[in-house]
């Protein structure tokens, strides 16, 4: 009888470890009631003080065994319920472990369950003890890091430029694409981010966005100096500074080196075209919105001429528009094109997507044609493919054309893509009114550029 009572007490201890204190109390009361009827509770080897059972409080005290605290009402919230079990379990377990020292060694050594029920109770107790040990292991919960939009600066041989970097939240441990966004004249990173809504896309799709800021000391209107010969070549001026800034971000953040892209508006678009040509080993693709081709100007006067009338080829004629098989520059490239470094001429320009409004009164739309022509230099034969029935989202209609190698299939990667937005001014198509130089009625240039970029990871030789 003593062993039967002891087995039930051990089973009740197992319930205590599980936090089932109400059930443990009931089990102990049943065991005592049974023992009382059989007269076992008066055994000298297992003393029970009956007066303790009549205490006025709600707790049940077994001398030398276990003190059962007030039962915890189950919570409907699983998290709160688990917290309650965790908080109650160790205290009860510690009390039970201390109390077993008062059971003499002979009783412990001779203990064998006297029934199938007792054996099951004992096995449950041992299993519960293991589970309680496992549950005691600390659980580390890593919370997703929130999105950040922080400012910093980078210094290179060509000077120092401030920048802002958007890092999306919830992508820890992943290597993400990087998009470099070059603002237009009079703009800054915050203005450009608001107008293009690129940070919203970055959070949704998981990529970094770098916004370099042109310094007023370098250009009074904060334009990128795309028209200055010293800022049109690899390894010099602003192209080298921007490429260095990208490498800095690459070293300090988990960026996928094969998915780095650059896009810009107006002067920023013209600089993006230069970077696509001079650094195809860094930038996998480029987006040029309302910009100009590399080498379209060599000073301020020629810059205004190209903006108003279109770029002039070395033959002296204006660029009329892209053709399917040869460059409008003819056999002679622009001056800056001819002066490309050996590293830049080792491969053709990175693929380019162009957006331009045909009602742009600041940078005439023929400059968009010339950007396409410059991007196709180095490709012997290309074929233009109009995309019927696609105007993108927005109220304005647009004409979309893609270029591929002439002998490539329809599923092969494109070399260039052009959107001519009908009636659009000098503004970012589909942009938000919160930013300057935006056209909310146009197709969403940000989404289309992102789609083009993600289809063009850098292809290593």
Protein backbone atom coordinates (compact mmCIF):
# COMPACT_ATOMS: atom_id res chain seq x y z
CA UNK A 1 0.00 0.00 0.00
CA UNK A 2 2.89 2.32 0.82
CA UNK A 3 4.38 1.83 -2.63
CA UNK A 4 0.99 2.33 -4.29
CA UNK A 5 0.54 5.63 -2.46
CA UNK A 6 4.08 6.68 -3.33
CA UNK A 7 3.52 5.96 -7.02
CA UNK A 8 0.45 8.17 -6.99
CA UNK A 9 2.39 10.93 -5.27
CA UNK A 10 5.10 10.72 -7.96
CA UNK A 11 2.43 10.85 -10.65
CA UNK A 12 1.02 13.98 -9.03
CA UNK A 13 4.53 15.43 -9.15
CA UNK A 14 4.55 14.86 -12.90
CA UNK A 15 1.35 16.84 -13.22
CA UNK A 16 2.96 19.61 -11.19
CA UNK A 17 5.85 19.81 -13.61
CA UNK A 18 3.41 20.23 -16.47
CA UNK A 19 1.80 23.14 -14.68
CA UNK A 20 -1.42 21.16 -14.15
CA UNK A 21 -1.63 22.15 -10.52
CA UNK A 22 -5.37 21.71 -10.14
CA UNK A 23 -5.15 18.16 -11.48
CA UNK A 24 -2.15 17.44 -9.22
CA UNK A 25 -4.08 18.63 -6.17
CA UNK A 26 -7.03 16.41 -7.05
CA UNK A 27 -4.73 13.41 -7.61
CA UNK A 28 -3.09 13.88 -4.21
CA UNK A 29 -6.45 14.23 -2.50
CA UNK A 30 -7.66 11.00 -4.12
CA UNK A 31 -4.49 9.22 -3.02
CA UNK A 32 -4.87 10.43 0.57
CA UNK A 33 -8.54 9.54 0.64
CA UNK A 34 -7.76 6.02 -0.53
CA UNK A 35 -4.93 5.67 1.95
CA UNK A 36 -7.10 7.00 4.76
CA UNK A 37 -9.74 4.36 4.14
CA UNK A 38 -7.11 1.62 4.22
CA UNK A 39 -5.41 3.02 7.28
CA UNK A 40 -2.17 3.46 5.36
CA UNK A 41 -1.77 7.13 6.23
CA UNK A 42 -0.82 6.17 9.79
CA UNK A 43 2.25 4.22 8.71
CA UNK A 44 5.34 5.20 10.65
CA UNK A 45 7.51 4.98 7.53
CA UNK A 46 5.38 7.57 5.73
CA UNK A 47 4.05 10.01 8.35
CA UNK A 48 1.20 12.29 7.40
CA UNK A 49 0.05 14.90 9.91
CA UNK A 50 -3.70 14.96 9.61
CA UNK A 51 -4.00 18.34 11.25
CA UNK A 52 -2.21 19.93 8.30
CA UNK A 53 -5.03 18.85 6.03
CA UNK A 54 -7.46 20.95 8.01
CA UNK A 55 -5.61 24.22 7.57
CA UNK A 56 -7.90 27.10 6.78
CA UNK A 57 -6.17 28.22 3.57
CA UNK A 58 -6.72 26.63 0.16
CA UNK A 59 -3.34 24.98 -0.10
CA UNK A 60 -2.68 21.31 0.45
CA UNK A 61 0.50 20.50 2.41
CA UNK A 62 2.07 17.07 2.44
CA UNK A 63 4.82 16.93 5.08
CA UNK A 64 8.15 16.30 3.45
CA UNK A 65 6.72 15.89 -0.04
CA UNK A 66 5.30 18.83 -1.93
CA UNK A 67 3.51 22.10 -1.41
CA UNK A 68 0.94 22.78 -4.12
CA UNK A 69 0.27 26.45 -4.78
CA UNK A 70 -3.00 27.96 -5.86
CA UNK A 71 -3.97 26.59 -9.26
CA UNK A 72 -3.53 28.90 -12.29
CA UNK A 73 -6.60 29.35 -14.39
CA UNK A 74 -5.92 28.43 -18.04
CA UNK A 75 -5.61 31.48 -20.26
CA UNK A 76 -7.31 31.56 -23.66
CA UNK A 77 -4.14 33.15 -25.05
CA UNK A 78 -1.58 30.37 -25.83
CA UNK A 79 1.34 32.73 -25.30
CA UNK A 80 0.09 33.77 -21.89
CA UNK A 81 -0.68 30.16 -21.08
CA UNK A 82 2.85 29.04 -21.92
CA UNK A 83 4.26 31.90 -19.87
CA UNK A 84 2.19 30.83 -16.90
CA UNK A 85 3.37 27.22 -17.21
CA UNK A 86 6.99 28.30 -17.48
CA UNK A 87 6.72 30.53 -14.42
CA UNK A 88 4.98 27.91 -12.29
CA UNK A 89 6.90 24.83 -13.45
CA UNK A 90 10.43 25.50 -12.13
CA UNK A 91 9.24 26.55 -8.68
CA UNK A 92 7.12 23.45 -8.24
CA UNK A 93 9.89 21.24 -9.61
CA UNK A 94 12.45 22.70 -7.24
CA UNK A 95 10.18 22.10 -4.24
CA UNK A 96 9.51 18.53 -5.31
CA UNK A 97 13.21 17.76 -5.82
CA UNK A 98 14.11 19.11 -2.40
CA UNK A 99 11.38 17.07 -0.73
CA UNK A 100 12.49 13.70 -2.13
CA UNK A 101 15.56 13.78 0.10
CA UNK A 102 13.26 13.10 3.06
CA UNK A 103 12.18 9.76 1.56
CA UNK A 104 14.64 7.17 2.85
CA UNK A 105 16.92 5.34 0.43
CA UNK A 106 15.30 1.98 1.13
CA UNK A 107 11.91 3.23 0.01
CA UNK A 108 13.39 4.65 -3.20
CA UNK A 109 15.35 1.49 -3.94
CA UNK A 110 12.43 -0.84 -3.33
CA UNK A 111 9.88 1.25 -5.21
CA UNK A 112 8.16 -0.71 -7.95
CA UNK A 113 4.72 0.15 -9.36
CA UNK A 114 2.14 -2.31 -8.07
CA UNK A 115 -0.31 -1.96 -10.94
CA UNK A 116 -0.53 -1.11 -14.62
CA UNK A 117 -1.94 2.24 -13.66
CA UNK A 118 0.95 2.87 -11.35
CA UNK A 119 3.46 1.92 -14.06
CA UNK A 120 1.85 4.29 -16.52
CA UNK A 121 1.86 7.05 -13.93
CA UNK A 122 5.55 6.49 -13.23
CA UNK A 123 6.43 6.48 -16.94
CA UNK A 124 4.45 9.66 -17.39
CA UNK A 125 6.37 11.22 -14.53
CA UNK A 126 9.76 10.34 -16.07
CA UNK A 127 8.69 11.59 -19.49
CA UNK A 128 7.36 14.79 -18.00
CA UNK A 129 10.65 15.39 -16.22
CA UNK A 130 12.51 15.17 -19.53
CA UNK A 131 10.00 17.49 -21.17
CA UNK A 132 10.35 19.96 -18.34
CA UNK A 133 14.13 19.96 -18.84
CA UNK A 134 13.69 20.62 -22.58
CA UNK A 135 11.17 23.36 -21.91
CA UNK A 136 13.66 25.05 -19.63
CA UNK A 137 16.02 25.71 -22.58
CA UNK A 138 16.10 29.45 -23.34
CA UNK A 139 14.34 30.42 -26.55
CA UNK A 140 15.86 33.28 -28.51
CA UNK A 141 13.32 35.10 -30.70
CA UNK A 142 14.89 37.25 -33.42
CA UNK A 143 12.64 40.12 -34.38
CA UNK A 144 12.77 41.47 -37.95
CA UNK A 145 14.80 44.63 -38.24
CA UNK A 146 12.69 47.61 -39.31
CA UNK A 147 13.33 49.47 -42.55
CA UNK A 148 15.89 52.27 -42.32
CA UNK A 149 16.57 55.38 -44.42
CA UNK A 150 19.83 56.79 -43.15
CA UNK A 151 22.22 59.51 -44.30
CA UNK A 152 26.00 59.28 -44.62
CA UNK A 153 28.78 60.43 -46.92
CA UNK A 154 31.55 59.03 -49.09
CA UNK A 155 34.91 60.55 -49.98
CA UNK A 156 36.87 59.62 -53.07
CA UNK A 157 39.58 61.14 -55.20
CA UNK A 158 37.02 63.43 -56.84
CA UNK A 159 35.70 64.76 -53.55
CA UNK A 160 32.99 64.03 -50.99
CA UNK A 161 29.30 63.47 -51.57
CA UNK A 162 26.52 62.87 -49.08
CA UNK A 163 24.09 60.05 -49.68
CA UNK A 164 21.07 58.36 -48.18
CA UNK A 165 20.58 54.61 -48.15
CA UNK A 166 17.28 52.80 -47.80
CA UNK A 167 17.55 49.32 -46.28
CA UNK A 168 14.33 47.27 -46.30
CA UNK A 169 13.18 45.56 -43.12
CA UNK A 170 12.65 41.83 -42.71
CA UNK A 171 15.31 40.57 -45.15
CA UNK A 172 18.05 39.69 -42.66
CA UNK A 173 20.49 37.07 -43.91
CA UNK A 174 19.69 37.68 -47.59
CA UNK A 175 21.91 39.16 -50.28
CA UNK A 176 19.80 41.87 -51.92
CA UNK A 177 19.95 43.91 -55.13
CA UNK A 178 21.06 47.55 -55.00
CA UNK A 179 19.49 50.37 -57.02
CA UNK A 180 21.33 53.67 -57.32
CA UNK A 181 18.97 56.61 -57.86
CA UNK A 182 20.45 59.85 -59.27
CA UNK A 183 18.23 62.88 -58.76
CA UNK A 184 17.72 65.69 -61.23
CA UNK A 185 18.72 69.35 -60.93
CA UNK A 186 17.46 71.19 -57.81
CA UNK A 187 16.39 67.89 -56.24
CA UNK A 188 17.81 65.96 -53.29
CA UNK A 189 17.56 62.34 -52.07
CA UNK A 190 14.44 62.87 -49.95
CA UNK A 191 12.59 64.67 -52.74
CA UNK A 192 13.57 62.05 -55.31
CA UNK A 193 12.62 59.17 -53.02
CA UNK A 194 9.19 60.70 -52.38
CA UNK A 195 8.51 61.35 -56.06
CA UNK A 196 9.58 57.98 -57.41
CA UNK A 197 8.23 55.93 -54.47
CA UNK A 198 11.22 53.68 -54.95
CA UNK A 199 11.55 52.99 -51.23
CA UNK A 200 8.05 51.52 -51.18
CA UNK A 201 8.99 49.14 -53.99
CA UNK A 202 12.25 48.34 -52.24
CA UNK A 203 10.43 47.29 -49.08
CA UNK A 204 7.92 45.21 -51.05
CA UNK A 205 10.48 43.42 -53.23
CA UNK A 206 13.59 43.47 -51.05
CA UNK A 207 16.39 45.67 -52.37
CA UNK A 208 18.61 48.50 -51.19
CA UNK A 209 18.27 52.00 -52.67
CA UNK A 210 21.23 54.38 -52.71
CA UNK A 211 20.55 58.09 -53.28
CA UNK A 212 23.78 60.06 -53.87
CA UNK A 213 23.39 63.81 -53.37
CA UNK A 214 25.07 66.32 -55.64
CA UNK A 215 26.84 69.08 -53.70
CA UNK A 216 25.93 72.69 -54.37
CA UNK A 217 29.65 73.53 -54.42
CA UNK A 218 30.05 71.20 -57.41
CA UNK A 219 27.04 72.54 -59.29
CA UNK A 220 25.02 75.57 -58.25
CA UNK A 221 21.77 73.88 -59.32
CA UNK A 222 22.81 70.49 -57.87
CA UNK A 223 22.93 68.96 -61.37
CA UNK A 224 25.25 66.06 -62.05
CA UNK A 225 27.95 67.34 -64.41
CA UNK A 226 27.21 64.98 -67.30
CA UNK A 227 28.31 67.65 -69.83
CA UNK A 228 31.86 68.14 -68.48
CA UNK A 229 34.55 66.03 -70.22
CA UNK A 230 36.21 65.36 -66.85
CA UNK A 231 32.97 63.79 -65.61
CA UNK A 232 32.29 61.53 -68.57
CA UNK A 233 35.01 58.89 -68.30
CA UNK A 234 35.79 55.86 -66.24
CA UNK A 235 38.24 56.43 -63.40
CA UNK A 236 37.73 60.19 -63.22
CA UNK A 237 35.37 62.79 -61.81
CA UNK A 238 31.84 62.00 -60.76
CA UNK A 239 31.60 58.59 -62.48
CA UNK A 240 34.56 57.36 -60.43
CA UNK A 241 33.14 58.93 -57.28
CA UNK A 242 29.75 57.26 -57.75
CA UNK A 243 31.29 53.89 -58.60
CA UNK A 244 33.42 54.18 -55.46
CA UNK A 245 30.35 54.96 -53.37
CA UNK A 246 28.67 51.84 -54.73
CA UNK A 247 31.70 49.72 -53.85
CA UNK A 248 31.61 51.19 -50.34
CA UNK A 249 27.97 50.12 -49.89
CA UNK A 250 28.83 46.73 -51.36
CA UNK A 251 31.50 46.26 -48.68
CA UNK A 252 29.32 47.38 -45.78
CA UNK A 253 25.94 45.80 -46.63
CA UNK A 254 24.74 42.41 -47.91
CA UNK A 255 24.44 43.45 -51.57
CA UNK A 256 24.35 41.01 -54.48
CA UNK A 257 27.20 42.21 -56.70
CA UNK A 258 25.50 40.82 -59.81
CA UNK A 259 22.34 42.86 -59.25
CA UNK A 260 23.47 46.48 -58.99
CA UNK A 261 21.51 48.97 -61.09
CA UNK A 262 21.46 52.72 -61.67
CA UNK A 263 18.64 55.04 -62.71
CA UNK A 264 18.25 58.79 -62.91
CA UNK A 265 16.11 61.70 -64.03
CA UNK A 266 17.27 64.46 -66.38
CA UNK A 267 20.89 65.28 -65.42
CA UNK A 268 20.77 62.18 -63.21
CA UNK A 269 19.56 60.17 -66.19
CA UNK A 270 22.43 61.48 -68.33
CA UNK A 271 24.90 60.44 -65.61
CA UNK A 272 23.23 57.01 -65.37
CA UNK A 273 23.82 56.56 -69.12
CA UNK A 274 27.51 57.41 -68.61
CA UNK A 275 27.81 54.88 -65.78
CA UNK A 276 26.14 52.18 -67.89
CA UNK A 277 28.69 52.76 -70.63
CA UNK A 278 31.80 53.25 -68.49
CA UNK A 279 31.11 50.70 -65.74
CA UNK A 280 29.29 47.70 -67.23
CA UNK A 281 31.35 45.57 -64.82
CA UNK A 282 29.63 47.29 -61.89
CA UNK A 283 26.11 48.07 -63.14
CA UNK A 284 24.01 45.26 -64.56
CA UNK A 285 21.52 47.65 -66.19
CA UNK A 286 20.53 51.32 -66.21
CA UNK A 287 17.38 53.41 -66.39
CA UNK A 288 17.46 56.80 -68.11
CA UNK A 289 14.43 59.02 -67.61
CA UNK A 290 14.30 62.27 -69.62
CA UNK A 291 18.08 62.18 -69.98
CA UNK A 292 20.76 62.50 -72.65
CA UNK A 293 23.32 60.14 -74.18
CA UNK A 294 26.98 60.05 -73.16
CA UNK A 295 29.06 62.59 -75.06
CA UNK A 296 26.07 64.73 -76.06
CA UNK A 297 27.84 67.88 -74.78
CA UNK A 298 31.29 69.10 -73.78
CA UNK A 299 30.41 72.31 -71.93
CA UNK A 300 27.43 74.28 -70.63
CA UNK A 301 26.60 75.86 -73.99
CA UNK A 302 26.57 72.56 -75.87
CA UNK A 303 24.57 71.04 -73.02
CA UNK A 304 21.75 73.53 -73.49
CA UNK A 305 21.90 73.01 -77.25
CA UNK A 306 21.55 69.24 -76.88
CA UNK A 307 18.74 69.62 -74.38
CA UNK A 308 16.73 71.91 -76.66
CA UNK A 309 17.52 70.46 -80.08
CA UNK A 310 18.89 66.97 -79.52
CA UNK A 311 22.44 65.64 -79.64
CA UNK A 312 24.65 66.21 -82.66
CA UNK A 313 26.74 63.40 -84.11
CA UNK A 314 30.32 64.10 -85.17
CA UNK A 315 29.06 64.11 -88.75
CA UNK A 316 27.21 67.30 -87.83
CA UNK A 317 23.70 65.90 -88.20
CA UNK A 318 21.07 65.59 -85.54
CA UNK A 319 20.18 62.14 -84.27
CA UNK A 320 16.90 61.22 -85.95
CA UNK A 321 16.02 58.10 -83.99
CA UNK A 322 17.05 54.49 -83.37
CA UNK A 323 17.28 52.02 -86.20
CA UNK A 324 17.14 48.24 -86.07
CA UNK A 325 20.64 47.45 -87.28
CA UNK A 326 23.11 50.36 -87.00
CA UNK A 327 23.80 53.33 -84.79
CA UNK A 328 22.59 56.75 -85.79
CA UNK A 329 26.08 57.93 -84.93
CA UNK A 330 27.17 56.15 -88.11
CA UNK A 331 30.71 54.88 -88.26
CA UNK A 332 31.94 57.71 -86.04
CA UNK A 333 31.12 57.71 -82.33
CA UNK A 334 30.79 60.88 -80.21
CA UNK A 335 34.00 62.31 -78.84
CA UNK A 336 33.47 60.86 -75.35
CA UNK A 337 32.55 57.50 -76.90
CA UNK A 338 35.84 57.44 -78.78
CA UNK A 339 37.80 58.17 -75.61
CA UNK A 340 36.48 55.25 -73.59
CA UNK A 341 39.04 53.46 -71.48
CA UNK A 342 40.24 49.99 -72.40
CA UNK A 343 38.31 48.48 -69.47
CA UNK A 344 35.07 50.11 -70.62
CA UNK A 345 35.48 49.10 -74.27
CA UNK A 346 36.08 45.46 -73.32
CA UNK A 347 32.30 45.00 -73.33
CA UNK A 348 29.23 46.83 -74.58
CA UNK A 349 27.10 49.13 -72.46
CA UNK A 350 24.95 47.61 -69.79
CA UNK A 351 21.33 47.11 -70.94
CA UNK A 352 19.31 50.33 -70.76
CA UNK A 353 15.63 51.17 -70.31
CA UNK A 354 14.58 54.67 -71.40
CA UNK A 355 11.52 56.72 -70.45
CA UNK A 356 10.86 60.04 -72.15
CA UNK A 357 7.80 62.23 -72.66
CA UNK A 358 7.18 63.39 -76.20
CA UNK A 359 5.98 66.75 -74.81
CA UNK A 360 9.17 67.33 -72.82
CA UNK A 361 10.09 71.00 -73.30
CA UNK A 362 13.27 70.81 -71.20
CA UNK A 363 15.08 67.84 -72.76
CA UNK A 364 13.76 67.08 -76.22
CA UNK A 365 12.59 63.49 -76.76
CA UNK A 366 15.13 62.75 -79.50
CA UNK A 367 17.69 62.51 -76.70
CA UNK A 368 15.93 59.35 -75.56
CA UNK A 369 16.44 57.91 -79.04
CA UNK A 370 20.12 58.76 -78.82
CA UNK A 371 20.43 57.03 -75.44
CA UNK A 372 19.15 53.84 -77.07
CA UNK A 373 21.61 54.25 -79.96
CA UNK A 374 24.52 54.69 -77.58
CA UNK A 375 23.48 51.58 -75.64
CA UNK A 376 23.47 49.52 -78.83
CA UNK A 377 26.99 50.53 -79.86
CA UNK A 378 29.11 47.41 -79.71
CA UNK A 379 26.30 45.12 -80.84
CA UNK A 380 26.79 44.31 -84.52
CA UNK A 381 23.18 43.63 -85.47
CA UNK A 382 20.07 44.41 -83.46
CA UNK A 383 16.36 44.16 -84.11
CA UNK A 384 13.64 46.47 -82.79
CA UNK A 385 10.40 44.87 -81.64
CA UNK A 386 7.39 47.12 -80.96
CA UNK A 387 5.29 45.75 -78.09
CA UNK A 388 1.67 46.05 -79.19
CA UNK A 389 -1.13 46.88 -76.80
CA UNK A 390 1.06 47.82 -73.84
CA UNK A 391 0.94 51.29 -72.39
CA UNK A 392 1.51 50.45 -68.72
CA UNK A 393 -0.60 51.73 -65.85
CA UNK A 394 -1.66 55.37 -65.95
CA UNK A 395 -3.88 57.70 -67.93
CA UNK A 396 -1.32 58.55 -70.59
CA UNK A 397 -0.66 56.18 -73.44
CA UNK A 398 2.85 55.11 -74.29
CA UNK A 399 4.71 53.32 -77.06
CA UNK A 400 7.07 50.57 -75.91
CA UNK A 401 9.85 49.08 -78.03
CA UNK A 402 12.48 46.49 -77.13
CA UNK A 403 15.78 45.64 -78.86
CA UNK A 404 17.46 42.26 -79.04
CA UNK A 405 20.34 40.82 -80.99
CA UNK A 406 19.11 40.21 -84.54
CA UNK A 407 19.77 36.48 -84.38
CA UNK A 408 18.35 36.03 -80.86
CA UNK A 409 15.05 34.39 -80.01
CA UNK A 410 12.06 36.18 -78.54
CA UNK A 411 12.89 34.80 -75.10
CA UNK A 412 16.48 36.05 -75.14
CA UNK A 413 17.48 38.97 -72.89
CA UNK A 414 16.80 42.42 -74.29
CA UNK A 415 19.61 44.88 -74.96
CA UNK A 416 17.45 47.98 -74.58
CA UNK A 417 13.88 49.10 -74.01
CA UNK A 418 12.22 52.43 -74.74
CA UNK A 419 9.00 54.00 -73.50
CA UNK A 420 7.73 57.11 -75.31
CA UNK A 421 4.99 58.58 -73.13
CA UNK A 422 2.51 60.62 -75.14
CA UNK A 423 1.83 64.13 -73.84
CA UNK A 424 4.18 63.73 -70.87
CA UNK A 425 6.30 66.68 -69.68
CA UNK A 426 9.79 66.72 -68.20
CA UNK A 427 8.85 64.60 -65.18
CA UNK A 428 9.11 61.12 -63.69
CA UNK A 429 6.32 59.09 -65.26
CA UNK A 430 3.82 57.68 -62.76
CA UNK A 431 5.52 59.48 -59.89
CA UNK A 432 3.89 60.75 -56.73
CA UNK A 433 2.82 64.37 -56.35
CA UNK A 434 4.75 64.45 -53.06
CA UNK A 435 7.96 64.87 -55.08
CA UNK A 436 9.04 67.47 -57.63
CA UNK A 437 9.15 66.80 -61.38
CA UNK A 438 6.61 63.99 -61.35
CA UNK A 439 3.77 63.06 -63.68
CA UNK A 440 1.21 60.96 -61.77
CA UNK A 441 -0.78 60.35 -64.99
CA UNK A 442 1.98 58.46 -66.77
CA UNK A 443 2.87 54.75 -66.74
CA UNK A 444 4.73 53.76 -63.58
CA UNK A 445 8.37 54.19 -64.58
CA UNK A 446 9.59 52.95 -61.19
CA UNK A 447 7.83 49.60 -61.53
CA UNK A 448 8.80 49.17 -65.17
CA UNK A 449 12.44 49.93 -64.46
CA UNK A 450 12.43 47.49 -61.55
CA UNK A 451 10.91 44.81 -63.77
CA UNK A 452 13.57 45.45 -66.43
CA UNK A 453 16.37 45.42 -63.85
CA UNK A 454 15.34 42.16 -62.22
CA UNK A 455 15.27 40.56 -65.68
CA UNK A 456 18.88 41.66 -66.21
CA UNK A 457 21.31 40.35 -63.62
CA UNK A 458 24.93 40.93 -64.58
CA UNK A 459 26.17 38.19 -66.85
CA UNK A 460 29.75 37.27 -66.16
CA UNK A 461 31.97 36.40 -69.11
